[in-house]
């Protein structure tokens, strides 16, 4: 016996819709949130002008954070990006400038 399925009239949202570029401020907010979670501190304890190494991040954590940022952005980043742009402020400005 053949089974016939009705065609759905629902439209599924398309995720490939062109997104507007993220601003440095939006990237900073994401970085603050994720760094605070990683360090188990409150977000207001994160200063965007303090270098990542002052927060005690080891190389593995820095690369992991870069990977999470990559996933969020949907854009490949160099694993040592946190060393090239050593603060949230500088990193966010750089990433926001990427096309």
PDB file of N, CA and C in Angstrom:
ATOM      1  N   UNK A   1       0.837  -1.163   0.000  1.00  0.00           N
ATOM      2  CA  UNK A   1       0.000   0.000   0.000  1.00  0.00           C
ATOM      3  C   UNK A   1       0.891   1.238   0.000  1.00  0.00           C
ATOM      4  N   UNK A   2       0.573   2.207  -0.840  1.00  0.00           N
ATOM      5  CA  UNK A   2       1.331   3.450  -0.910  1.00  0.00           C
ATOM      6  C   UNK A   2       0.763   4.451   0.086  1.00  0.00           C
ATOM      7  N   UNK A   3       1.663   5.213   0.670  1.00  0.00           N
ATOM      8  CA  UNK A   3       1.237   6.254   1.607  1.00  0.00           C
ATOM      9  C   UNK A   3       1.486   7.597   0.962  1.00  0.00           C
ATOM     10  N   UNK A   4       0.463   8.409   0.914  1.00  0.00           N
ATOM     11  CA  UNK A   4       0.573   9.750   0.342  1.00  0.00           C
ATOM     12  C   UNK A   4       0.630  10.749   1.474  1.00  0.00           C
ATOM     13  N   UNK A   5       1.526  11.669   1.363  1.00  0.00           N
ATOM     14  CA  UNK A   5       1.643  12.713   2.382  1.00  0.00           C
ATOM     15  C   UNK A   5       1.214  14.032   1.770  1.00  0.00           C
ATOM     16  N   UNK A   6       0.453  14.764   2.527  1.00  0.00           N
ATOM     17  CA  UNK A   6      -0.003  16.074   2.057  1.00  0.00           C
ATOM     18  C   UNK A   6       1.162  17.047   2.062  1.00  0.00           C
ATOM     19  N   UNK A   7       1.174  17.905   1.085  1.00  0.00           N
ATOM     20  CA  UNK A   7       2.199  18.942   1.013  1.00  0.00           C
ATOM     21  C   UNK A   7       1.845  20.023   2.018  1.00  0.00           C
ATOM     22  N   UNK A   8       2.802  20.388   2.800  1.00  0.00           N
ATOM     23  CA  UNK A   8       2.576  21.422   3.811  1.00  0.00           C
ATOM     24  C   UNK A   8       2.485  22.792   3.158  1.00  0.00           C
ATOM     25  N   UNK A   9       1.588  23.613   3.670  1.00  0.00           N
ATOM     26  CA  UNK A   9       1.446  24.989   3.188  1.00  0.00           C
ATOM     27  C   UNK A   9       2.292  25.957   4.010  1.00  0.00           C
ATOM     28  N   UNK A  10       2.991  25.431   4.991  1.00  0.00           N
ATOM     29  CA  UNK A  10       3.804  26.300   5.845  1.00  0.00           C
ATOM     30  C   UNK A  10       5.080  26.693   5.126  1.00  0.00           C
ATOM     31  N   UNK A  11       5.503  27.886   5.396  1.00  0.00           N
ATOM     32  CA  UNK A  11       6.782  28.355   4.863  1.00  0.00           C
ATOM     33  C   UNK A  11       7.793  28.326   5.992  1.00  0.00           C
ATOM     34  N   UNK A  12       8.922  27.750   5.737  1.00  0.00           N
ATOM     35  CA  UNK A  12       9.996  27.702   6.720  1.00  0.00           C
ATOM     36  C   UNK A  12      10.870  28.936   6.549  1.00  0.00           C
ATOM     37  N   UNK A  13      11.333  29.521   7.658  1.00  0.00           N
ATOM     38  CA  UNK A  13      12.213  30.687   7.533  1.00  0.00           C
ATOM     39  C   UNK A  13      13.529  30.293   6.873  1.00  0.00           C
ATOM     40  N   UNK A  14      13.997  31.128   6.031  1.00  0.00           N
ATOM     41  CA  UNK A  14      15.260  30.884   5.344  1.00  0.00           C
ATOM     42  C   UNK A  14      16.371  31.527   6.149  1.00  0.00           C
ATOM     43  N   UNK A  15      17.346  30.725   6.558  1.00  0.00           N
ATOM     44  CA  UNK A  15      18.429  31.257   7.375  1.00  0.00           C
ATOM     45  C   UNK A  15      19.529  31.889   6.540  1.00  0.00           C
ATOM     46  N   UNK A  16      19.434  31.761   5.249  1.00  0.00           N
ATOM     47  CA  UNK A  16      20.477  32.331   4.408  1.00  0.00           C
ATOM     48  C   UNK A  16      20.165  33.767   4.009  1.00  0.00           C
ATOM     49  N   UNK A  17      19.244  34.389   4.724  1.00  0.00           N
ATOM     50  CA  UNK A  17      18.919  35.784   4.455  1.00  0.00           C
ATOM     51  C   UNK A  17      20.154  36.622   4.762  1.00  0.00           C
ATOM     52  N   UNK A  18      20.409  37.594   3.935  1.00  0.00           N
ATOM     53  CA  UNK A  18      21.584  38.443   4.125  1.00  0.00           C
ATOM     54  C   UNK A  18      21.444  39.187   5.447  1.00  0.00           C
ATOM     55  N   UNK A  19      22.452  39.054   6.283  1.00  0.00           N
ATOM     56  CA  UNK A  19      22.447  39.722   7.584  1.00  0.00           C
ATOM     57  C   UNK A  19      23.290  40.978   7.495  1.00  0.00           C
ATOM     58  N   UNK A  20      22.878  41.982   8.254  1.00  0.00           N
ATOM     59  CA  UNK A  20      23.685  43.202   8.279  1.00  0.00           C
ATOM     60  C   UNK A  20      24.965  42.917   9.061  1.00  0.00           C
ATOM     61  N   UNK A  21      26.046  43.576   8.709  1.00  0.00           N
ATOM     62  CA  UNK A  21      27.306  43.365   9.430  1.00  0.00           C
ATOM     63  C   UNK A  21      27.158  43.749  10.906  1.00  0.00           C
ATOM     64  N   UNK A  22      27.859  43.038  11.744  1.00  0.00           N
ATOM     65  CA  UNK A  22      27.837  43.340  13.171  1.00  0.00           C
ATOM     66  C   UNK A  22      28.701  44.554  13.459  1.00  0.00           C
ATOM     67  N   UNK A  23      28.280  45.324  14.434  1.00  0.00           N
ATOM     68  CA  UNK A  23      29.065  46.481  14.852  1.00  0.00           C
ATOM     69  C   UNK A  23      30.102  46.042  15.881  1.00  0.00           C
ATOM     70  N   UNK A  24      31.084  46.894  16.096  1.00  0.00           N
ATOM     71  CA  UNK A  24      32.096  46.615  17.121  1.00  0.00           C
ATOM     72  C   UNK A  24      31.437  46.486  18.493  1.00  0.00           C
ATOM     73  N   UNK A  25      30.409  47.287  18.747  1.00  0.00           N
ATOM     74  CA  UNK A  25      29.707  47.232  20.037  1.00  0.00           C
ATOM     75  C   UNK A  25      29.020  45.884  20.226  1.00  0.00           C
ATOM     76  N   UNK A  26      28.373  45.373  19.186  1.00  0.00           N
ATOM     77  CA  UNK A  26      27.713  44.066  19.281  1.00  0.00           C
ATOM     78  C   UNK A  26      28.735  42.961  19.527  1.00  0.00           C
ATOM     79  N   UNK A  27      29.858  43.057  18.871  1.00  0.00           N
ATOM     80  CA  UNK A  27      30.913  42.059  19.054  1.00  0.00           C
ATOM     81  C   UNK A  27      31.488  42.162  20.463  1.00  0.00           C
ATOM     82  N   UNK A  28      31.664  43.374  20.955  1.00  0.00           N
ATOM     83  CA  UNK A  28      32.151  43.565  22.325  1.00  0.00           C
ATOM     84  C   UNK A  28      31.198  42.928  23.326  1.00  0.00           C
ATOM     85  N   UNK A  29      29.896  43.124  23.149  1.00  0.00           N
ATOM     86  CA  UNK A  29      28.916  42.532  24.071  1.00  0.00           C
ATOM     87  C   UNK A  29      29.023  41.008  24.075  1.00  0.00           C
ATOM     88  N   UNK A  30      29.176  40.429  22.890  1.00  0.00           N
ATOM     89  CA  UNK A  30      29.312  38.977  22.805  1.00  0.00           C
ATOM     90  C   UNK A  30      30.579  38.528  23.528  1.00  0.00           C
ATOM     91  N   UNK A  31      31.688  39.228  23.259  1.00  0.00           N
ATOM     92  CA  UNK A  31      32.965  38.867  23.883  1.00  0.00           C
ATOM     93  C   UNK A  31      32.902  38.996  25.403  1.00  0.00           C
ATOM     94  N   UNK A  32      32.315  40.072  25.890  1.00  0.00           N
ATOM     95  CA  UNK A  32      32.188  40.276  27.338  1.00  0.00           C
ATOM     96  C   UNK A  32      31.412  39.126  27.959  1.00  0.00           C
ATOM     97  N   UNK A  33      30.292  38.793  27.355  1.00  0.00           N
ATOM     98  CA  UNK A  33      29.447  37.719  27.868  1.00  0.00           C
ATOM     99  C   UNK A  33      30.189  36.386  27.905  1.00  0.00           C
ATOM    100  N   UNK A  34      30.869  36.052  26.828  1.00  0.00           N
ATOM    101  CA  UNK A  34      31.560  34.766  26.761  1.00  0.00           C
ATOM    102  C   UNK A  34      32.813  34.716  27.627  1.00  0.00           C
ATOM    103  N   UNK A  35      33.532  35.809  27.718  1.00  0.00           N
ATOM    104  CA  UNK A  35      34.711  35.834  28.587  1.00  0.00           C
ATOM    105  C   UNK A  35      34.288  35.743  30.055  1.00  0.00           C
ATOM    106  N   UNK A  36      33.233  36.443  30.414  1.00  0.00           N
ATOM    107  CA  UNK A  36      32.731  36.381  31.788  1.00  0.00           C
ATOM    108  C   UNK A  36      32.293  34.957  32.138  1.00  0.00           C
ATOM    109  N   UNK A  37      31.627  34.307  31.204  1.00  0.00           N
ATOM    110  CA  UNK A  37      31.197  32.922  31.428  1.00  0.00           C
ATOM    111  C   UNK A  37      32.407  32.002  31.589  1.00  0.00           C
ATOM    112  N   UNK A  38      33.392  32.165  30.737  1.00  0.00           N
ATOM    113  CA  UNK A  38      34.601  31.345  30.794  1.00  0.00           C
ATOM    114  C   UNK A  38      35.334  31.534  32.124  1.00  0.00           C
ATOM    115  N   UNK A  39      35.407  32.779  32.582  1.00  0.00           N
ATOM    116  CA  UNK A  39      36.138  33.098  33.812  1.00  0.00           C
ATOM    117  C   UNK A  39      35.292  32.952  35.071  1.00  0.00           C
ATOM    118  N   UNK A  40      33.986  32.709  34.862  1.00  0.00           N
ATOM    119  CA  UNK A  40      33.037  32.590  35.970  1.00  0.00           C
ATOM    120  C   UNK A  40      33.011  33.861  36.816  1.00  0.00           C
ATOM    121  N   UNK A  41      32.870  34.996  36.119  1.00  0.00           N
ATOM    122  CA  UNK A  41      32.743  36.298  36.780  1.00  0.00           C
ATOM    123  C   UNK A  41      31.532  37.016  36.190  1.00  0.00           C
ATOM    124  N   UNK A  42      31.152  38.117  36.812  1.00  0.00           N
ATOM    125  CA  UNK A  42      30.046  38.925  36.298  1.00  0.00           C
ATOM    126  C   UNK A  42      30.532  39.742  35.104  1.00  0.00           C
ATOM    127  N   UNK A  43      29.621  40.033  34.200  1.00  0.00           N
ATOM    128  CA  UNK A  43      29.998  40.781  32.997  1.00  0.00           C
ATOM    129  C   UNK A  43      30.541  42.167  33.325  1.00  0.00           C
ATOM    130  N   UNK A  44      30.073  42.769  34.417  1.00  0.00           N
ATOM    131  CA  UNK A  44      30.570  44.112  34.751  1.00  0.00           C
ATOM    132  C   UNK A  44      32.001  44.089  35.296  1.00  0.00           C
ATOM    133  N   UNK A  45      32.566  42.898  35.468  1.00  0.00           N
ATOM    134  CA  UNK A  45      33.961  42.773  35.893  1.00  0.00           C
ATOM    135  C   UNK A  45      34.922  42.710  34.701  1.00  0.00           C
ATOM    136  N   UNK A  46      34.371  42.707  33.498  1.00  0.00           N
ATOM    137  CA  UNK A  46      35.185  42.646  32.286  1.00  0.00           C
ATOM    138  C   UNK A  46      35.341  44.050  31.723  1.00  0.00           C
ATOM    139  N   UNK A  47      36.576  44.466  31.526  1.00  0.00           N
ATOM    140  CA  UNK A  47      36.897  45.784  30.959  1.00  0.00           C
ATOM    141  C   UNK A  47      37.442  45.556  29.555  1.00  0.00           C
ATOM    142  N   UNK A  48      36.823  46.201  28.567  1.00  0.00           N
ATOM    143  CA  UNK A  48      37.202  45.971  27.166  1.00  0.00           C
ATOM    144  C   UNK A  48      38.594  46.476  26.827  1.00  0.00           C
ATOM    145  N   UNK A  49      39.204  47.276  27.703  1.00  0.00           N
ATOM    146  CA  UNK A  49      40.535  47.826  27.426  1.00  0.00           C
ATOM    147  C   UNK A  49      41.663  47.040  28.100  1.00  0.00           C
ATOM    148  N   UNK A  50      41.307  46.050  28.907  1.00  0.00           N
ATOM    149  CA  UNK A  50      42.321  45.243  29.598  1.00  0.00           C
ATOM    150  C   UNK A  50      42.722  44.069  28.701  1.00  0.00           C
ATOM    151  N   UNK A  51      44.019  43.836  28.517  1.00  0.00           N
ATOM    152  CA  UNK A  51      44.476  42.725  27.666  1.00  0.00           C
ATOM    153  C   UNK A  51      43.981  41.363  28.173  1.00  0.00           C
ATOM    154  N   UNK A  52      43.718  40.474  27.226  1.00  0.00           N
ATOM    155  CA  UNK A  52      43.226  39.137  27.562  1.00  0.00           C
ATOM    156  C   UNK A  52      44.160  38.416  28.525  1.00  0.00           C
ATOM    157  N   UNK A  53      45.481  38.602  28.356  1.00  0.00           N
ATOM    158  CA  UNK A  53      46.421  37.882  29.222  1.00  0.00           C
ATOM    159  C   UNK A  53      46.310  38.319  30.682  1.00  0.00           C
ATOM    160  N   UNK A  54      45.813  39.512  30.931  1.00  0.00           N
ATOM    161  CA  UNK A  54      45.617  39.976  32.312  1.00  0.00           C
ATOM    162  C   UNK A  54      44.451  39.255  32.987  1.00  0.00           C
ATOM    163  N   UNK A  55      43.590  38.641  32.181  1.00  0.00           N
ATOM    164  CA  UNK A  55      42.486  37.852  32.736  1.00  0.00           C
ATOM    165  C   UNK A  55      42.916  36.417  33.022  1.00  0.00           C
ATOM    166  N   UNK A  56      44.172  36.096  32.721  1.00  0.00           N
ATOM    167  CA  UNK A  56      44.697  34.773  33.022  1.00  0.00           C
ATOM    168  C   UNK A  56      44.315  33.693  32.025  1.00  0.00           C
ATOM    169  N   UNK A  57      43.937  34.097  30.809  1.00  0.00           N
ATOM    170  CA  UNK A  57      43.604  33.098  29.785  1.00  0.00           C
ATOM    171  C   UNK A  57      44.864  32.365  29.347  1.00  0.00           C
ATOM    172  N   UNK A  58      44.796  31.047  29.316  1.00  0.00           N
ATOM    173  CA  UNK A  58      45.926  30.314  28.747  1.00  0.00           C
ATOM    174  C   UNK A  58      45.693  30.172  27.245  1.00  0.00           C
ATOM    175  N   UNK A  59      46.677  29.648  26.538  1.00  0.00           N
ATOM    176  CA  UNK A  59      46.586  29.591  25.074  1.00  0.00           C
ATOM    177  C   UNK A  59      45.416  28.731  24.612  1.00  0.00           C
ATOM    178  N   UNK A  60      45.146  27.658  25.318  1.00  0.00           N
ATOM    179  CA  UNK A  60      44.036  26.782  24.958  1.00  0.00           C
ATOM    180  C   UNK A  60      42.697  27.507  25.089  1.00  0.00           C
ATOM    181  N   UNK A  61      42.536  28.262  26.162  1.00  0.00           N
ATOM    182  CA  UNK A  61      41.298  29.024  26.362  1.00  0.00           C
ATOM    183  C   UNK A  61      41.160  30.129  25.317  1.00  0.00           C
ATOM    184  N   UNK A  62      42.268  30.773  24.980  1.00  0.00           N
ATOM    185  CA  UNK A  62      42.237  31.840  23.976  1.00  0.00           C
ATOM    186  C   UNK A  62      41.831  31.288  22.610  1.00  0.00           C
ATOM    187  N   UNK A  63      42.388  30.143  22.245  1.00  0.00           N
ATOM    188  CA  UNK A  63      42.041  29.525  20.967  1.00  0.00           C
ATOM    189  C   UNK A  63      40.586  29.053  20.986  1.00  0.00           C
ATOM    190  N   UNK A  64      40.151  28.520  22.122  1.00  0.00           N
ATOM    191  CA  UNK A  64      38.755  28.099  22.252  1.00  0.00           C
ATOM    192  C   UNK A  64      37.791  29.260  22.108  1.00  0.00           C
ATOM    193  N   UNK A  65      38.124  30.385  22.721  1.00  0.00           N
ATOM    194  CA  UNK A  65      37.286  31.579  22.622  1.00  0.00           C
ATOM    195  C   UNK A  65      37.243  32.089  21.183  1.00  0.00           C
ATOM    196  N   UNK A  66      38.379  32.032  20.500  1.00  0.00           N
ATOM    197  CA  UNK A  66      38.420  32.429  19.089  1.00  0.00           C
ATOM    198  C   UNK A  66      37.529  31.505  18.259  1.00  0.00           C
ATOM    199  N   UNK A  67      37.555  30.218  18.557  1.00  0.00           N
ATOM    200  CA  UNK A  67      36.706  29.257  17.847  1.00  0.00           C
ATOM    201  C   UNK A  67      35.227  29.524  18.066  1.00  0.00           C
ATOM    202  N   UNK A  68      34.853  29.861  19.296  1.00  0.00           N
ATOM    203  CA  UNK A  68      33.455  30.192  19.582  1.00  0.00           C
ATOM    204  C   UNK A  68      33.041  31.457  18.844  1.00  0.00           C
ATOM    205  N   UNK A  69      33.939  32.430  18.790  1.00  0.00           N
ATOM    206  CA  UNK A  69      33.663  33.664  18.054  1.00  0.00           C
ATOM    207  C   UNK A  69      33.484  33.352  16.569  1.00  0.00           C
ATOM    208  N   UNK A  70      34.323  32.491  16.042  1.00  0.00           N
ATOM    209  CA  UNK A  70      34.211  32.043  14.647  1.00  0.00           C
ATOM    210  C   UNK A  70      32.838  31.450  14.369  1.00  0.00           C
ATOM    211  N   UNK A  71      32.409  30.560  15.261  1.00  0.00           N
ATOM    212  CA  UNK A  71      31.108  29.912  15.101  1.00  0.00           C
ATOM    213  C   UNK A  71      29.982  30.938  15.119  1.00  0.00           C
ATOM    214  N   UNK A  72      30.065  31.881  16.032  1.00  0.00           N
ATOM    215  CA  UNK A  72      29.028  32.907  16.161  1.00  0.00           C
ATOM    216  C   UNK A  72      28.974  33.794  14.921  1.00  0.00           C
ATOM    217  N   UNK A  73      30.148  34.153  14.423  1.00  0.00           N
ATOM    218  CA  UNK A  73      30.220  35.037  13.259  1.00  0.00           C
ATOM    219  C   UNK A  73      29.948  34.312  11.944  1.00  0.00           C
ATOM    220  N   UNK A  74      30.228  33.001  11.933  1.00  0.00           N
ATOM    221  CA  UNK A  74      30.143  32.260  10.680  1.00  0.00           C
ATOM    222  C   UNK A  74      31.259  32.651   9.733  1.00  0.00           C
ATOM    223  N   UNK A  75      32.392  33.018  10.309  1.00  0.00           N
ATOM    224  CA  UNK A  75      33.529  33.507   9.529  1.00  0.00           C
ATOM    225  C   UNK A  75      34.804  32.935  10.133  1.00  0.00           C
ATOM    226  N   UNK A  76      35.683  32.403   9.314  1.00  0.00           N
ATOM    227  CA  UNK A  76      36.925  31.816   9.804  1.00  0.00           C
ATOM    228  C   UNK A  76      37.880  32.901  10.283  1.00  0.00           C
ATOM    229  N   UNK A  77      38.468  32.665  11.443  1.00  0.00           N
ATOM    230  CA  UNK A  77      39.422  33.603  12.039  1.00  0.00           C
ATOM    231  C   UNK A  77      40.724  32.867  12.338  1.00  0.00           C
ATOM    232  N   UNK A  78      41.811  33.600  12.387  1.00  0.00           N
ATOM    233  CA  UNK A  78      43.106  33.004  12.725  1.00  0.00           C
ATOM    234  C   UNK A  78      43.093  32.637  14.206  1.00  0.00           C
ATOM    235  N   UNK A  79      43.575  31.442  14.572  1.00  0.00           N
ATOM    236  CA  UNK A  79      43.530  30.993  15.965  1.00  0.00           C
ATOM    237  C   UNK A  79      44.261  31.909  16.954  1.00  0.00           C
ATOM    238  N   UNK A  80      45.253  32.660  16.484  1.00  0.00           N
ATOM    239  CA  UNK A  80      46.015  33.526  17.393  1.00  0.00           C
ATOM    240  C   UNK A  80      45.495  34.963  17.413  1.00  0.00           C
ATOM    241  N   UNK A  81      44.279  35.159  16.971  1.00  0.00           N
ATOM    242  CA  UNK A  81      43.702  36.499  16.862  1.00  0.00           C
ATOM    243  C   UNK A  81      43.732  37.276  18.183  1.00  0.00           C
ATOM    244  N   UNK A  82      43.533  36.576  19.309  1.00  0.00           N
ATOM    245  CA  UNK A  82      43.530  37.262  20.599  1.00  0.00           C
ATOM    246  C   UNK A  82      44.908  37.790  20.976  1.00  0.00           C
ATOM    247  N   UNK A  83      45.941  37.250  20.360  1.00  0.00           N
ATOM    248  CA  UNK A  83      47.291  37.762  20.605  1.00  0.00           C
ATOM    249  C   UNK A  83      47.598  38.938  19.682  1.00  0.00           C
ATOM    250  N   UNK A  84      47.029  38.902  18.484  1.00  0.00           N
ATOM    251  CA  UNK A  84      47.223  40.002  17.532  1.00  0.00           C
ATOM    252  C   UNK A  84      46.426  41.243  17.932  1.00  0.00           C
ATOM    253  N   UNK A  85      45.262  41.026  18.523  1.00  0.00           N
ATOM    254  CA  UNK A  85      44.381  42.113  18.980  1.00  0.00           C
ATOM    255  C   UNK A  85      44.079  41.816  20.445  1.00  0.00           C
ATOM    256  N   UNK A  86      44.950  42.278  21.357  1.00  0.00           N
ATOM    257  CA  UNK A  86      44.975  41.782  22.730  1.00  0.00           C
ATOM    258  C   UNK A  86      43.890  42.274  23.690  1.00  0.00           C
ATOM    259  N   UNK A  87      42.964  43.110  23.221  1.00  0.00           N
ATOM    260  CA  UNK A  87      41.867  43.531  24.096  1.00  0.00           C
ATOM    261  C   UNK A  87      40.541  43.293  23.377  1.00  0.00           C
ATOM    262  N   UNK A  88      39.473  43.232  24.139  1.00  0.00           N
ATOM    263  CA  UNK A  88      38.145  43.087  23.532  1.00  0.00           C
ATOM    264  C   UNK A  88      37.881  44.253  22.599  1.00  0.00           C
ATOM    265  N   UNK A  89      38.246  45.444  23.021  1.00  0.00           N
ATOM    266  CA  UNK A  89      38.012  46.643  22.210  1.00  0.00           C
ATOM    267  C   UNK A  89      38.707  46.540  20.846  1.00  0.00           C
ATOM    268  N   UNK A  90      39.991  46.201  20.857  1.00  0.00           N
ATOM    269  CA  UNK A  90      40.752  46.110  19.600  1.00  0.00           C
ATOM    270  C   UNK A  90      40.276  44.948  18.735  1.00  0.00           C
ATOM    271  N   UNK A  91      39.992  43.831  19.364  1.00  0.00           N
ATOM    272  CA  UNK A  91      39.515  42.667  18.628  1.00  0.00           C
ATOM    273  C   UNK A  91      38.166  42.958  17.968  1.00  0.00           C
ATOM    274  N   UNK A  92      37.264  43.570  18.703  1.00  0.00           N
ATOM    275  CA  UNK A  92      35.933  43.884  18.164  1.00  0.00           C
ATOM    276  C   UNK A  92      36.025  44.857  16.996  1.00  0.00           C
ATOM    277  N   UNK A  93      36.898  45.848  17.110  1.00  0.00           N
ATOM    278  CA  UNK A  93      37.071  46.804  16.009  1.00  0.00           C
ATOM    279  C   UNK A  93      37.600  46.100  14.764  1.00  0.00           C
ATOM    280  N   UNK A  94      38.563  45.215  14.959  1.00  0.00           N
ATOM    281  CA  UNK A  94      39.117  44.480  13.822  1.00  0.00           C
ATOM    282  C   UNK A  94      38.058  43.585  13.182  1.00  0.00           C
ATOM    283  N   UNK A  95      37.383  42.796  13.994  1.00  0.00           N
ATOM    284  CA  UNK A  95      36.397  41.851  13.462  1.00  0.00           C
ATOM    285  C   UNK A  95      35.260  42.591  12.760  1.00  0.00           C
ATOM    286  N   UNK A  96      34.835  43.725  13.305  1.00  0.00           N
ATOM    287  CA  UNK A  96      33.762  44.507  12.678  1.00  0.00           C
ATOM    288  C   UNK A  96      34.191  45.045  11.316  1.00  0.00           C
ATOM    289  N   UNK A  97      35.495  45.211  11.119  1.00  0.00           N
ATOM    290  CA  UNK A  97      35.992  45.747   9.844  1.00  0.00           C
ATOM    291  C   UNK A  97      36.097  44.682   8.753  1.00  0.00           C
ATOM    292  N   UNK A  98      35.973  43.406   9.128  1.00  0.00           N
ATOM    293  CA  UNK A  98      36.072  42.323   8.148  1.00  0.00           C
ATOM    294  C   UNK A  98      34.853  42.320   7.244  1.00  0.00           C
ATOM    295  N   UNK A  99      35.067  42.007   6.014  1.00  0.00           N
ATOM    296  CA  UNK A  99      33.956  41.930   5.045  1.00  0.00           C
ATOM    297  C   UNK A  99      33.607  40.491   4.803  1.00  0.00           C
TER     298      UNK A  99
END
